[in-house]
Amino acid sequence: MSKPALPRIYNRTGQRVKVQDKTWYAMQESGDAEERVIEVFVYGEIGTWGITANQFVQDLRAMDDGVSPVIAAFNSIGGDLFDGLAMHNALSRLGERCTGRVDALAASAASVAVCGAHRVVIASNAMLMIHNPWTYAAGDAEDFRKVADVLDQTMEAIIVAYKAKAPDIDEAELRRLVAAETWLTANEAVALGLADEVGDGVKVKACLGQGAVLQRYQHAPAELLAQLDEPPEPDIELEPDPSDPPQEPPVANSAKLALMITQRCTADGISNLIEPLINSTKLESEAIVLAGLARAKAVNDLCVAARLPEFSAEYVAAGLDAASVRARLFDKLVGSGKGFEIDNSLPLNADPAPKVQAKQPDPTSIWAARQAAQSGSANTSKGARP
């Protein structure tokens, strides 16, 4: 059985950029000292369940020399707004040497982030999506009023971020487009001032394994959603890269691999995932099994954190990666598009200890006991006479 196809992305010189997983987050430099260029690829969800602003800023700071041009390439369905704003500000501080590039999709928080660049180039077949901030919450009526106030405040932050990129844009029209969840083509983005130039089109999957998240939007273009149903592209073998680490030889002994899965799962307390892991990895090689074990542990941790551990075996058996599991768990938590769920129960780890209730007095029993005591006392007195 051949290995599943891995995502491949290339930098501006046509060289392949190595990625660690389906998040596709990478930062690299190219060229000699005089022509050094820093390229950042934000290919995935923004925020805690993907590419965090802290990771982005720290990596950029470590590589930036203060003079080299920086190209920030985006292909993201969005994510956490505040992380997106932090990325926006980090790119803005770079000044004129920063170019933002929309390779396929910059939606939601990603559109906010890329607008921090001094110059934005959007591929001719790419899109920019802007919409109102939204969240989900739990609590009483007062809690929801506070959440609504916070959403109003974050809306203003979004408007400021877009106007920083397009100062001449009509604010009333901008607010209308944001409220309507507007998907802008490359030419429309340039016309509004949210991008500066239309670049060459490139074929890049817009969903990045996060189709469930993309489907949550109300007006996602049909051509993007259609990509969810496309079969995976065949894996094209490339010439070996001398810098790639040597590949481990395949392990032929399936029993050894099955034993490895059994021992690791038992040690990690996820013995319920032994069979799903064997089925999903097909015991193809040691490398695949090790990757499957790491994936299963991550998936199980996510399900436990979401208080939905019953789904971990299903997701591991399906071979889902962490990003896909996050999207599915998020959908389950927020319900069917309602945006939040009301739950009056206390958290599982904060249940109060059961109280010992004092026994309530029973007047009937007390009266009967007194009568019995008095009757016994009278009988004893009569029997004591000579």
Protein backbone atom coordinates (compact mmCIF):
# COMPACT_ATOMS: atom_id res chain seq x y z
CA MET A 1 0.00 0.00 0.00
CA SER A 2 1.40 3.40 -0.93
CA LYS A 3 1.71 6.16 1.64
CA PRO A 4 -1.05 8.80 1.61
CA ALA A 5 -0.27 11.93 -0.33
CA LEU A 6 1.33 14.67 1.72
CA PRO A 7 0.69 18.37 1.07
CA ARG A 8 3.37 20.09 -0.98
CA ILE A 9 4.00 23.81 -1.10
CA TYR A 10 6.73 25.73 -2.84
CA ASN A 11 8.36 29.08 -2.23
CA ARG A 12 8.76 31.89 -4.70
CA THR A 13 11.89 30.28 -6.22
CA GLY A 14 10.05 27.03 -6.90
CA GLN A 15 11.80 25.10 -4.14
CA ARG A 16 9.77 22.69 -2.09
CA VAL A 17 9.01 23.82 1.48
CA LYS A 18 9.08 20.98 3.96
CA VAL A 19 6.12 20.90 6.33
CA GLN A 20 5.68 18.93 9.51
CA ASP A 21 1.96 18.16 9.36
CA LYS A 22 -1.31 19.24 7.78
CA THR A 23 -1.17 22.57 9.58
CA TRP A 24 1.42 23.59 6.97
CA TYR A 25 3.00 26.26 9.17
CA ALA A 26 6.58 27.00 8.10
CA MET A 27 9.08 29.82 8.32
CA GLN A 28 12.27 29.92 6.30
CA GLU A 29 14.88 32.18 4.79
CA SER A 30 16.42 32.09 1.32
CA GLY A 31 19.12 33.88 -0.64
CA ASP A 32 22.57 35.04 0.42
CA ALA A 33 23.25 37.80 2.94
CA GLU A 34 22.57 40.60 0.44
CA GLU A 35 19.40 39.06 -1.04
CA ARG A 36 18.01 37.34 2.04
CA VAL A 37 14.22 36.93 2.05
CA ILE A 38 12.14 35.60 4.94
CA GLU A 39 9.03 33.65 3.97
CA VAL A 40 6.27 32.71 6.41
CA PHE A 41 3.56 30.22 5.44
CA VAL A 42 0.38 30.46 7.52
CA TYR A 43 -1.45 27.50 6.05
CA GLY A 44 -3.97 26.45 8.67
CA GLU A 45 -6.29 27.60 11.43
CA ILE A 46 -5.22 30.60 13.50
CA GLY A 47 -5.32 30.33 17.28
CA THR A 48 -5.04 27.76 20.04
CA TRP A 49 -6.07 24.86 17.78
CA GLY A 50 -3.65 25.80 15.03
CA ILE A 51 -1.03 28.52 14.53
CA THR A 52 -0.91 30.74 17.61
CA ALA A 53 0.14 34.38 17.53
CA ASN A 54 2.74 33.62 20.19
CA GLN A 55 4.35 30.95 18.01
CA PHE A 56 4.16 33.21 14.96
CA VAL A 57 5.68 36.26 16.66
CA GLN A 58 8.44 34.35 18.46
CA ASP A 59 9.50 32.49 15.30
CA LEU A 60 9.47 35.69 13.26
CA ARG A 61 11.48 37.57 15.88
CA ALA A 62 14.08 34.81 15.99
CA MET A 63 14.59 34.93 12.21
CA ASP A 64 14.14 38.63 11.47
CA ASP A 65 17.33 40.68 11.11
CA GLY A 66 15.52 44.00 10.84
CA VAL A 67 16.37 44.62 7.18
CA SER A 68 15.39 41.57 5.09
CA PRO A 69 12.10 41.58 3.17
CA VAL A 70 9.38 39.45 4.75
CA ILE A 71 6.71 37.62 2.73
CA ALA A 72 3.75 36.30 4.77
CA ALA A 73 1.75 33.80 2.70
CA PHE A 74 -1.77 32.95 3.91
CA ASN A 75 -4.12 30.10 3.14
CA SER A 76 -6.37 29.91 6.17
CA ILE A 77 -10.02 29.59 7.12
CA GLY A 78 -9.39 31.96 10.04
CA GLY A 79 -9.72 31.24 13.73
CA ASP A 80 -9.16 33.25 16.88
CA LEU A 81 -9.65 36.98 16.23
CA PHE A 82 -7.25 38.18 18.91
CA ASP A 83 -4.46 35.98 17.55
CA GLY A 84 -5.28 37.36 14.12
CA LEU A 85 -5.02 40.93 15.45
CA ALA A 86 -1.67 40.13 17.07
CA MET A 87 -0.38 38.78 13.75
CA HIS A 88 -1.74 41.89 12.02
CA ASN A 89 0.22 44.14 14.37
CA ALA A 90 3.38 42.03 14.09
CA LEU A 91 3.33 42.38 10.30
CA SER A 92 2.47 46.08 10.51
CA ARG A 93 5.55 46.75 12.66
CA LEU A 94 7.75 45.44 9.83
CA GLY A 95 6.77 48.44 7.72
CA GLU A 96 7.42 48.64 4.00
CA ARG A 97 9.55 45.51 3.85
CA CYS A 98 6.53 43.28 4.60
CA THR A 99 4.38 41.81 1.81
CA GLY A 100 1.26 39.79 2.56
CA ARG A 101 0.30 37.12 0.05
CA VAL A 102 -3.08 35.38 -0.21
CA ASP A 103 -2.36 32.08 -1.94
CA ALA A 104 -5.89 30.69 -1.85
CA LEU A 105 -8.04 31.89 1.04
CA ALA A 106 -7.70 34.45 3.83
CA ALA A 107 -10.95 34.19 5.74
CA SER A 108 -12.12 35.72 8.99
CA ALA A 109 -9.15 36.26 11.35
CA ALA A 110 -6.74 35.47 8.51
CA SER A 111 -8.10 38.41 6.50
CA VAL A 112 -7.45 40.64 9.52
CA ALA A 113 -3.90 39.29 9.88
CA VAL A 114 -2.86 39.66 6.23
CA CYS A 115 -4.11 43.27 6.14
CA GLY A 116 -1.32 44.14 8.57
CA ALA A 117 1.20 43.82 5.72
CA HIS A 118 2.33 47.00 3.98
CA ARG A 119 1.52 45.46 0.58
CA VAL A 120 -0.96 42.64 -0.07
CA VAL A 121 -0.80 40.51 -3.22
CA ILE A 122 -3.76 38.19 -3.77
CA ALA A 123 -3.68 35.35 -6.30
CA SER A 124 -6.10 35.78 -9.18
CA ASN A 125 -8.08 32.71 -8.09
CA ALA A 126 -7.88 33.42 -4.34
CA MET A 127 -10.49 34.96 -2.04
CA LEU A 128 -10.70 37.22 1.00
CA MET A 129 -13.61 36.72 3.41
CA ILE A 130 -14.76 39.29 5.98
CA HIS A 131 -17.53 38.81 8.53
CA ASN A 132 -18.83 39.76 11.96
CA PRO A 133 -17.08 38.28 14.99
CA TRP A 134 -18.97 35.46 16.64
CA THR A 135 -18.52 33.15 19.57
CA TYR A 136 -20.34 30.69 21.78
CA ALA A 137 -20.97 31.04 25.48
CA ALA A 138 -22.85 29.64 28.46
CA GLY A 139 -24.43 31.37 31.41
CA ASP A 140 -27.39 33.43 32.47
CA ALA A 141 -28.94 36.42 30.70
CA GLU A 142 -26.44 38.87 32.22
CA ASP A 143 -23.53 36.74 30.98
CA PHE A 144 -24.91 36.86 27.45
CA ARG A 145 -25.34 40.64 27.61
CA LYS A 146 -21.65 40.93 28.50
CA VAL A 147 -20.71 38.62 25.62
CA ALA A 148 -22.74 40.79 23.23
CA ASP A 149 -20.90 43.90 24.46
CA VAL A 150 -17.54 42.20 23.89
CA LEU A 151 -18.58 41.22 20.36
CA ASP A 152 -19.48 44.85 19.64
CA GLN A 153 -16.04 45.92 20.86
CA THR A 154 -14.21 43.31 18.78
CA MET A 155 -16.23 44.42 15.76
CA GLU A 156 -14.70 47.87 16.15
CA ALA A 157 -11.23 46.32 16.30
CA ILE A 158 -11.93 44.54 13.00
CA ILE A 159 -13.04 47.76 11.33
CA VAL A 160 -9.90 49.55 12.53
CA ALA A 161 -7.70 46.75 11.16
CA TYR A 162 -9.32 46.87 7.72
CA LYS A 163 -9.26 50.67 7.59
CA ALA A 164 -5.57 50.67 8.45
CA LYS A 165 -5.05 48.82 5.17
CA ALA A 166 -7.70 50.72 3.20
CA PRO A 167 -7.98 54.21 4.77
CA ASP A 168 -10.10 55.54 1.90
CA ILE A 169 -12.74 52.81 2.08
CA ASP A 170 -16.29 53.94 2.80
CA GLU A 171 -16.86 52.89 6.41
CA ALA A 172 -20.62 52.40 6.05
CA GLU A 173 -20.06 50.13 3.05
CA LEU A 174 -17.31 48.26 4.90
CA ARG A 175 -19.60 47.60 7.86
CA ARG A 176 -22.32 46.38 5.51
CA LEU A 177 -19.94 43.95 3.80
CA VAL A 178 -18.64 42.66 7.12
CA ALA A 179 -22.16 42.13 8.50
CA ALA A 180 -23.18 40.26 5.34
CA GLU A 181 -20.22 37.78 5.49
CA THR A 182 -18.75 38.82 2.14
CA TRP A 183 -16.45 36.63 0.06
CA LEU A 184 -14.31 38.93 -2.06
CA THR A 185 -12.62 37.88 -5.28
CA ALA A 186 -9.11 39.12 -5.98
CA ASN A 187 -10.34 42.01 -8.12
CA GLU A 188 -12.99 42.99 -5.56
CA ALA A 189 -10.42 42.99 -2.75
CA VAL A 190 -8.14 45.26 -4.78
CA ALA A 191 -11.04 47.58 -5.67
CA LEU A 192 -11.87 48.00 -1.97
CA GLY A 193 -8.24 48.61 -1.05
CA LEU A 194 -7.88 45.49 1.11
CA ALA A 195 -5.31 44.20 -1.41
CA ASP A 196 -2.88 46.06 -3.64
CA GLU A 197 -2.21 43.69 -6.52
CA VAL A 198 -3.63 40.63 -8.23
CA GLY A 199 -0.95 37.98 -8.62
CA ASP A 200 -0.73 34.77 -10.61
CA GLY A 201 -3.22 32.07 -9.72
CA VAL A 202 -1.95 28.94 -8.00
CA LYS A 203 -3.70 25.64 -7.32
CA VAL A 204 -3.85 25.25 -3.57
CA LYS A 205 -6.50 23.41 -1.62
CA ALA A 206 -8.50 26.08 0.14
CA CYS A 207 -9.73 23.90 2.99
CA LEU A 208 -6.46 22.52 4.32
CA GLY A 209 -8.21 19.56 5.93
CA GLN A 210 -10.64 21.90 7.70
CA GLY A 211 -13.70 21.53 5.55
CA ALA A 212 -15.97 21.18 8.57
CA VAL A 213 -14.95 24.66 9.66
CA LEU A 214 -15.44 26.08 6.17
CA GLN A 215 -18.95 24.65 6.06
CA ARG A 216 -19.92 26.61 9.17
CA TYR A 217 -19.86 29.86 7.23
CA GLN A 218 -23.23 30.89 5.83
CA HIS A 219 -22.15 32.01 2.37
CA ALA A 220 -19.08 29.92 1.54
CA PRO A 221 -18.78 29.77 -2.28
CA ALA A 222 -19.95 26.53 -3.83
CA GLU A 223 -16.65 26.07 -5.70
CA LEU A 224 -14.77 26.00 -2.39
CA LEU A 225 -17.18 23.56 -0.78
CA ALA A 226 -16.97 21.36 -3.89
CA GLN A 227 -13.30 20.80 -3.13
CA LEU A 228 -14.33 18.83 -0.05
CA ASP A 229 -15.60 16.08 -2.30
CA GLU A 230 -12.57 15.93 -4.58
CA PRO A 231 -10.52 12.72 -4.34
CA PRO A 232 -7.00 13.13 -2.95
CA GLU A 233 -4.33 13.86 -5.50
CA PRO A 234 -1.92 11.00 -6.22
CA ASP A 235 1.41 11.18 -4.49
CA ILE A 236 4.04 12.15 -7.05
CA GLU A 237 7.47 10.87 -6.19
CA LEU A 238 10.09 13.60 -6.25
CA GLU A 239 13.83 13.20 -6.47
CA PRO A 240 15.21 12.71 -2.95
CA ASP A 241 16.24 15.92 -1.22
CA PRO A 242 19.82 15.59 0.10
CA SER A 243 18.78 17.54 3.19
CA ASP A 244 15.95 15.12 4.02
CA PRO A 245 16.72 12.73 6.90
CA PRO A 246 17.27 9.10 5.89
CA GLN A 247 14.10 7.04 5.82
CA GLU A 248 13.81 4.20 8.27
CA PRO A 249 13.64 0.74 6.65
CA PRO A 250 10.17 -0.83 6.78
CA VAL A 251 9.52 -3.34 9.55
CA ALA A 252 8.15 -6.54 8.09
CA ASN A 253 7.12 -8.14 11.33
CA SER A 254 3.47 -7.12 11.81
CA ALA A 255 3.36 -8.90 15.16
CA LYS A 256 6.15 -6.66 16.45
CA LEU A 257 4.25 -3.56 15.36
CA ALA A 258 1.02 -4.79 16.90
CA LEU A 259 2.88 -5.44 20.15
CA MET A 260 4.33 -1.94 20.01
CA ILE A 261 0.84 -0.45 19.66
CA THR A 262 -0.49 -2.58 22.49
CA GLN A 263 2.32 -1.66 24.87
CA ARG A 264 2.30 2.07 24.08
CA CYS A 265 -1.48 2.39 24.29
CA THR A 266 -1.58 0.49 27.58
CA ALA A 267 1.17 2.69 29.03
CA ASP A 268 -0.65 5.86 27.92
CA GLY A 269 -4.00 4.67 29.27
CA ILE A 270 -5.64 4.48 25.84
CA SER A 271 -5.98 0.73 25.45
CA ASN A 272 -9.40 1.31 23.86
CA LEU A 273 -7.54 2.69 20.84
CA ILE A 274 -5.42 -0.41 20.17
CA GLU A 275 -7.76 -1.94 17.58
CA PRO A 276 -8.58 1.38 15.83
CA LEU A 277 -4.84 2.10 15.57
CA ILE A 278 -4.06 -1.30 14.10
CA ASN A 279 -6.81 -0.85 11.53
CA SER A 280 -5.86 2.73 10.59
CA THR A 281 -2.09 2.16 10.32
CA LYS A 282 -2.43 -1.28 8.64
CA LEU A 283 0.85 -2.05 10.47
CA GLU A 284 2.53 -0.78 7.32
CA SER A 285 5.82 0.37 8.83
CA GLU A 286 7.33 1.43 12.12
CA ALA A 287 7.34 5.08 11.06
CA ILE A 288 3.63 4.98 10.25
CA VAL A 289 2.84 3.21 13.51
CA LEU A 290 4.81 5.74 15.55
CA ALA A 291 3.05 8.59 13.77
CA GLY A 292 -0.27 6.88 14.40
CA LEU A 293 0.49 6.52 18.11
CA ALA A 294 1.31 10.22 18.40
CA ARG A 295 -1.83 11.10 16.47
CA ALA A 296 -4.00 8.83 18.61
CA LYS A 297 -2.65 10.36 21.82
CA ALA A 298 -3.36 13.87 20.51
CA VAL A 299 -6.86 12.91 19.34
CA ASN A 300 -7.66 11.26 22.66
CA ASP A 301 -6.44 14.32 24.59
CA LEU A 302 -8.65 16.58 22.47
CA CYS A 303 -11.72 14.39 22.98
CA VAL A 304 -11.13 14.21 26.73
CA ALA A 305 -10.64 17.98 26.92
CA ALA A 306 -13.93 18.45 25.06
CA ARG A 307 -15.61 15.94 27.39
CA LEU A 308 -16.45 13.74 24.42
CA PRO A 309 -14.08 10.78 24.99
CA GLU A 310 -16.55 8.41 23.37
CA PHE A 311 -15.55 9.74 19.94
CA SER A 312 -11.80 9.09 20.24
CA ALA A 313 -11.94 5.50 18.88
CA GLU A 314 -14.09 6.58 15.93
CA TYR A 315 -11.76 9.43 14.99
CA VAL A 316 -8.61 7.33 15.34
CA ALA A 317 -10.09 4.54 13.23
CA ALA A 318 -10.95 7.09 10.54
CA GLY A 319 -7.35 8.31 10.51
CA LEU A 320 -8.32 11.91 11.29
CA ASP A 321 -5.58 14.34 12.22
CA ALA A 322 -5.74 16.73 15.18
CA ALA A 323 -6.92 19.67 13.06
CA SER A 324 -9.87 17.72 11.66
CA VAL A 325 -10.78 16.42 15.12
CA ARG A 326 -10.72 19.94 16.55
CA ALA A 327 -13.14 21.09 13.88
CA ARG A 328 -15.51 18.16 14.49
CA LEU A 329 -15.44 18.58 18.25
CA PHE A 330 -16.05 22.29 17.88
CA ASP A 331 -19.10 21.60 15.73
CA LYS A 332 -20.42 19.13 18.29
CA LEU A 333 -19.88 21.56 21.13
CA VAL A 334 -21.65 24.50 19.54
CA GLY A 335 -24.51 22.42 18.18
CA SER A 336 -26.08 22.76 14.78
CA GLY A 337 -25.05 26.27 13.85
CA LYS A 338 -26.63 28.04 16.81
CA GLY A 339 -23.33 29.53 17.85
CA PHE A 340 -23.58 28.59 21.52
CA GLU A 341 -25.17 26.14 23.87
CA ILE A 342 -26.79 26.73 27.24
CA ASP A 343 -25.59 24.36 29.93
CA ASN A 344 -26.51 24.87 33.57
CA SER A 345 -24.46 21.93 34.80
CA LEU A 346 -21.20 22.43 36.65
CA PRO A 347 -17.92 21.32 35.04
CA LEU A 348 -17.13 17.66 35.57
CA ASN A 349 -14.02 18.43 37.60
CA ALA A 350 -15.81 20.93 39.80
CA ASP A 351 -18.71 18.90 41.08
CA PRO A 352 -19.26 19.70 44.78
CA ALA A 353 -18.87 16.90 47.29
CA PRO A 354 -22.22 15.37 48.20
CA LYS A 355 -23.64 16.93 51.33
CA VAL A 356 -24.65 14.75 54.28
CA GLN A 357 -28.24 15.61 55.01
CA ALA A 358 -29.33 15.68 58.65
CA LYS A 359 -32.15 13.29 59.44
CA GLN A 360 -35.44 15.15 59.58
CA PRO A 361 -37.60 14.66 62.75
CA ASP A 362 -40.59 12.32 62.39
CA PRO A 363 -43.35 13.43 64.80
CA THR A 364 -45.32 10.18 64.38
CA SER A 365 -42.36 8.01 65.32
CA ILE A 366 -41.48 10.24 68.28
CA TRP A 367 -45.07 10.07 69.61
CA ALA A 368 -45.19 6.28 69.27
CA ALA A 369 -41.86 5.93 71.07
CA ARG A 370 -43.04 8.08 73.95
CA GLN A 371 -46.27 6.12 74.29
CA ALA A 372 -44.34 2.85 74.35
CA ALA A 373 -41.98 4.18 77.00
CA GLN A 374 -44.80 5.44 79.19
CA SER A 375 -46.68 2.15 78.89
CA GLY A 376 -43.63 0.14 79.86
CA SER A 377 -43.00 2.38 82.85
CA ALA A 378 -46.56 1.92 84.12
CA ASN A 379 -46.39 -1.88 83.85
CA THR A 380 -43.14 -1.91 85.76
CA SER A 381 -44.68 0.13 88.58
CA LYS A 382 -47.70 -2.20 88.97
CA GLY A 383 -45.50 -5.25 89.13
CA ALA A 384 -43.45 -3.76 91.98
CA ARG A 385 -46.35 -3.69 94.51
CA PRO A 386 -46.38 -6.31 97.39
